[in-house]
Amino acid sequence: MTALAALANPQRLRAFRALVQAGQQGLSAGALGARLGLAPSALSFHLKGLSQAGLIHGEARGRQLIYRGDFGRMNALLGYLTQHCCAGTDCGLDLPQVTCADVPPTPPFSNARQRSLP
């Protein structure tokens, strides 16, 4: 699963978390790099991995790229993990039902590729 592999890298996970926390307004690459303390080349490498996994999308705004987390993809990944937790048996965990229905989906961008979970 590409999304899980992308999030297995600590720097990618930090970048994804920062973009999720930024919400629909997103962050420019410069602001994200400053927040994470990453060099532009390292940040670009990690953003590419997240983008290829379908977890984020970039939108050109003037001379900047604004990155946003793909909340629809994130929710699908959480749903997949929840469905396949403990191979379908009771894990013995008393977990509350959590939904992200109040988070609007990320708008599609012309350069975004749509991917589906297995």
C-alpha atoms as a PDB file:
ATOM      1  CA  MET A   1       0.000   0.000   0.000  1.00  0.00           C
ATOM      2  CA  THR A   2       1.608   3.207  -1.220  1.00  0.00           C
ATOM      3  CA  ALA A   3      -0.009   5.497   1.360  1.00  0.00           C
ATOM      4  CA  LEU A   4       1.249   3.487   4.325  1.00  0.00           C
ATOM      5  CA  ALA A   5       4.725   3.235   2.829  1.00  0.00           C
ATOM      6  CA  ALA A   6       4.808   7.003   2.356  1.00  0.00           C
ATOM      7  CA  LEU A   7       3.724   7.641   5.943  1.00  0.00           C
ATOM      8  CA  ALA A   8       6.281   5.161   7.303  1.00  0.00           C
ATOM      9  CA  ASN A   9       8.998   7.768   6.743  1.00  0.00           C
ATOM     10  CA  PRO A  10       9.196  10.070   9.809  1.00  0.00           C
ATOM     11  CA  GLN A  11       9.784  13.235   7.770  1.00  0.00           C
ATOM     12  CA  ARG A  12       6.874  12.488   5.444  1.00  0.00           C
ATOM     13  CA  LEU A  13       4.645  11.790   8.423  1.00  0.00           C
ATOM     14  CA  ARG A  14       5.650  15.143   9.969  1.00  0.00           C
ATOM     15  CA  ALA A  15       4.913  16.937   6.676  1.00  0.00           C
ATOM     16  CA  PHE A  16       1.560  15.198   6.288  1.00  0.00           C
ATOM     17  CA  ARG A  17       0.571  16.022   9.872  1.00  0.00           C
ATOM     18  CA  ALA A  18       1.498  19.681   9.348  1.00  0.00           C
ATOM     19  CA  LEU A  19      -0.627  19.840   6.191  1.00  0.00           C
ATOM     20  CA  VAL A  20      -3.581  18.165   7.904  1.00  0.00           C
ATOM     21  CA  GLN A  21      -3.296  20.652  10.773  1.00  0.00           C
ATOM     22  CA  ALA A  22      -3.175  23.537   8.264  1.00  0.00           C
ATOM     23  CA  GLY A  23      -6.560  22.419   6.918  1.00  0.00           C
ATOM     24  CA  GLN A  24      -8.067  23.562   3.656  1.00  0.00           C
ATOM     25  CA  GLN A  25      -5.930  26.709   3.443  1.00  0.00           C
ATOM     26  CA  GLY A  26      -2.812  24.531   3.113  1.00  0.00           C
ATOM     27  CA  LEU A  27       0.764  25.714   3.307  1.00  0.00           C
ATOM     28  CA  SER A  28       3.271  26.954   0.801  1.00  0.00           C
ATOM     29  CA  ALA A  29       6.375  24.839   0.349  1.00  0.00           C
ATOM     30  CA  GLY A  30       8.450  27.590   1.975  1.00  0.00           C
ATOM     31  CA  ALA A  31       6.201  27.831   5.034  1.00  0.00           C
ATOM     32  CA  LEU A  32       6.098  24.053   5.387  1.00  0.00           C
ATOM     33  CA  GLY A  33       9.877  23.785   5.080  1.00  0.00           C
ATOM     34  CA  ALA A  34      10.373  26.488   7.711  1.00  0.00           C
ATOM     35  CA  ARG A  35       7.907  24.810  10.063  1.00  0.00           C
ATOM     36  CA  LEU A  36       9.620  21.435   9.703  1.00  0.00           C
ATOM     37  CA  GLY A  37      13.184  22.735   9.504  1.00  0.00           C
ATOM     38  CA  LEU A  38      13.825  20.911   6.228  1.00  0.00           C
ATOM     39  CA  ALA A  39      16.037  22.044   3.359  1.00  0.00           C
ATOM     40  CA  PRO A  40      14.109  22.729   0.129  1.00  0.00           C
ATOM     41  CA  SER A  41      15.592  19.706  -1.652  1.00  0.00           C
ATOM     42  CA  ALA A  42      14.689  17.349   1.215  1.00  0.00           C
ATOM     43  CA  LEU A  43      11.203  18.825   1.481  1.00  0.00           C
ATOM     44  CA  SER A  44      10.665  18.463  -2.265  1.00  0.00           C
ATOM     45  CA  PHE A  45      11.671  14.795  -2.071  1.00  0.00           C
ATOM     46  CA  HIS A  46       9.204  14.108   0.742  1.00  0.00           C
ATOM     47  CA  LEU A  47       6.365  16.095  -0.846  1.00  0.00           C
ATOM     48  CA  LYS A  48       6.837  14.104  -4.039  1.00  0.00           C
ATOM     49  CA  GLY A  49       6.469  10.851  -2.091  1.00  0.00           C
ATOM     50  CA  LEU A  50       3.300  12.057  -0.375  1.00  0.00           C
ATOM     51  CA  SER A  51       1.897  13.344  -3.652  1.00  0.00           C
ATOM     52  CA  GLN A  52       2.597  10.087  -5.485  1.00  0.00           C
ATOM     53  CA  ALA A  53       0.804   8.254  -2.674  1.00  0.00           C
ATOM     54  CA  GLY A  54      -2.219  10.518  -3.214  1.00  0.00           C
ATOM     55  CA  LEU A  55      -2.073  11.915   0.323  1.00  0.00           C
ATOM     56  CA  ILE A  56      -1.468  15.540  -0.670  1.00  0.00           C
ATOM     57  CA  HIS A  57      -2.060  17.807  -3.632  1.00  0.00           C
ATOM     58  CA  GLY A  58      -0.302  20.937  -4.748  1.00  0.00           C
ATOM     59  CA  GLU A  59      -1.984  23.923  -6.355  1.00  0.00           C
ATOM     60  CA  ALA A  60      -0.127  26.678  -8.149  1.00  0.00           C
ATOM     61  CA  ARG A  61      -0.991  30.070  -6.712  1.00  0.00           C
ATOM     62  CA  GLY A  62       1.034  32.678  -8.522  1.00  0.00           C
ATOM     63  CA  ARG A  63       4.666  31.683  -8.153  1.00  0.00           C
ATOM     64  CA  GLN A  64       4.016  29.469  -5.136  1.00  0.00           C
ATOM     65  CA  LEU A  65       2.780  25.943  -4.735  1.00  0.00           C
ATOM     66  CA  ILE A  66       0.233  25.530  -1.967  1.00  0.00           C
ATOM     67  CA  TYR A  67       0.065  22.015  -0.562  1.00  0.00           C
ATOM     68  CA  ARG A  68      -2.969  20.514   1.140  1.00  0.00           C
ATOM     69  CA  GLY A  69      -3.661  17.164   2.698  1.00  0.00           C
ATOM     70  CA  ASP A  70      -6.218  15.081   0.842  1.00  0.00           C
ATOM     71  CA  PHE A  71      -8.814  14.550   3.564  1.00  0.00           C
ATOM     72  CA  GLY A  72     -10.836  12.149   1.441  1.00  0.00           C
ATOM     73  CA  ARG A  73      -7.808   9.924   0.926  1.00  0.00           C
ATOM     74  CA  MET A  74      -6.878  10.223   4.607  1.00  0.00           C
ATOM     75  CA  ASN A  75     -10.389   9.177   5.672  1.00  0.00           C
ATOM     76  CA  ALA A  76     -10.335   6.281   3.216  1.00  0.00           C
ATOM     77  CA  LEU A  77      -7.010   5.132   4.649  1.00  0.00           C
ATOM     78  CA  LEU A  78      -8.357   5.349   8.203  1.00  0.00           C
ATOM     79  CA  GLY A  79     -11.430   3.407   7.144  1.00  0.00           C
ATOM     80  CA  TYR A  80      -9.283   0.748   5.497  1.00  0.00           C
ATOM     81  CA  LEU A  81      -7.134   0.407   8.623  1.00  0.00           C
ATOM     82  CA  THR A  82     -10.206   0.234  10.857  1.00  0.00           C
ATOM     83  CA  GLN A  83     -11.860  -2.448   8.719  1.00  0.00           C
ATOM     84  CA  HIS A  84      -8.732  -4.568   8.622  1.00  0.00           C
ATOM     85  CA  CYS A  85      -7.660  -4.099  12.240  1.00  0.00           C
ATOM     86  CA  CYS A  86      -6.901  -7.404  13.977  1.00  0.00           C
ATOM     87  CA  ALA A  87      -7.851  -9.371  10.848  1.00  0.00           C
ATOM     88  CA  GLY A  88     -11.556  -8.804  11.511  1.00  0.00           C
ATOM     89  CA  THR A  89     -11.561 -10.214  15.036  1.00  0.00           C
ATOM     90  CA  ASP A  90     -12.392  -8.324  18.203  1.00  0.00           C
ATOM     91  CA  CYS A  91      -9.206  -6.583  19.305  1.00  0.00           C
ATOM     92  CA  GLY A  92     -10.494  -6.093  22.825  1.00  0.00           C
ATOM     93  CA  LEU A  93     -10.230  -2.330  22.417  1.00  0.00           C
ATOM     94  CA  ASP A  94     -13.116  -0.112  23.435  1.00  0.00           C
ATOM     95  CA  LEU A  95     -12.615   2.518  20.736  1.00  0.00           C
ATOM     96  CA  PRO A  96     -15.116   5.332  20.230  1.00  0.00           C
ATOM     97  CA  GLN A  97     -16.665   5.819  16.829  1.00  0.00           C
ATOM     98  CA  VAL A  98     -14.827   8.674  15.157  1.00  0.00           C
ATOM     99  CA  THR A  99     -15.877  10.267  11.893  1.00  0.00           C
ATOM    100  CA  CYS A 100     -14.442  13.100   9.908  1.00  0.00           C
ATOM    101  CA  ALA A 101     -17.684  13.907   8.111  1.00  0.00           C
ATOM    102  CA  ASP A 102     -17.391  17.544   9.151  1.00  0.00           C
ATOM    103  CA  VAL A 103     -14.074  17.922   7.273  1.00  0.00           C
ATOM    104  CA  PRO A 104     -14.827  18.938   3.689  1.00  0.00           C
ATOM    105  CA  PRO A 105     -13.003  16.972   0.990  1.00  0.00           C
ATOM    106  CA  THR A 106      -9.984  18.524  -0.632  1.00  0.00           C
ATOM    107  CA  PRO A 107     -11.005  20.039  -3.966  1.00  0.00           C
ATOM    108  CA  PRO A 108      -9.489  18.214  -6.936  1.00  0.00           C
ATOM    109  CA  PHE A 109      -6.784  20.030  -8.832  1.00  0.00           C
ATOM    110  CA  SER A 110      -6.129  19.696 -12.520  1.00  0.00           C
ATOM    111  CA  ASN A 111      -2.724  18.115 -11.914  1.00  0.00           C
ATOM    112  CA  ALA A 112      -3.929  15.733  -9.197  1.00  0.00           C
ATOM    113  CA  ARG A 113      -4.150  12.050  -9.888  1.00  0.00           C
ATOM    114  CA  GLN A 114      -6.975  10.135  -8.283  1.00  0.00           C
ATOM    115  CA  ARG A 115      -5.998   6.842  -6.679  1.00  0.00           C
ATOM    116  CA  SER A 116      -8.032   4.254  -4.889  1.00  0.00           C
ATOM    117  CA  LEU A 117      -7.178   2.085  -1.941  1.00  0.00           C
ATOM    118  CA  PRO A 118      -6.887  -1.662  -2.437  1.00  0.00           C
END
